[in-house]
Each structure stands twice: as structure tokens, then as C-alpha cells.
Amino acid sequence: MKKAIHFGAGNIGRGFIALLLSQAGYEITFVDIDPDLIAAINRHKRYTVKTIGEKQEEFKVTGIGGLVSFQEKEIADTIAQADI
């Protein structure tokens, strides 16, 4: 599987960028400063994105993991293995 690393696991990163990467077949590693958010990502390994507007849809994002920004060696290793 192709691998991506994304810095920032906030709403835009998870709700837009990661959704596109997931739909394109990437396994995604998020890097963020919030250890509680990263712990939740690593615990659940998936989440749902819900669109709003006239047509409401739900999309599952799977194949995810996360690192906290102080995990420098793990981040460097992940970058070295990432396709994007």
C-alpha cells in the first residue's frame, strides 16, 4: 500500500486531505502536537467524515495512525518510507 505522512491532524487535515488520500489508496500517518488526539487516532484506526449541504454523505477513512510531534526518530523513519 502507498504511504503518506500528513502534518496536522485537525479538522482540515482529517476531514479533507486525509479523505482524499484514503480514497486514493494511501495509508496515512498523522503528525500532531496533541497527544490525546494522536492517542485516539491510534486507538480507533479509523473515523467517519460527514459532508453537509443538500446531499449529506458519510465516508470512512481507514488505514491511519499517528505520531506526536516530539517523536522525532519515528517521524524521520516515517518520512523515509512515505511515498508522499
Foldseek 3Di string as FASTA:
>chain_A
DAEDEEEDDDCCCVQPVLLVCQVVPYQYEYEEQDPVVQVVCAVPQKDWHWDDDPDIDIDIRHNYHYDYNVPVVVVVVRVVRHPD
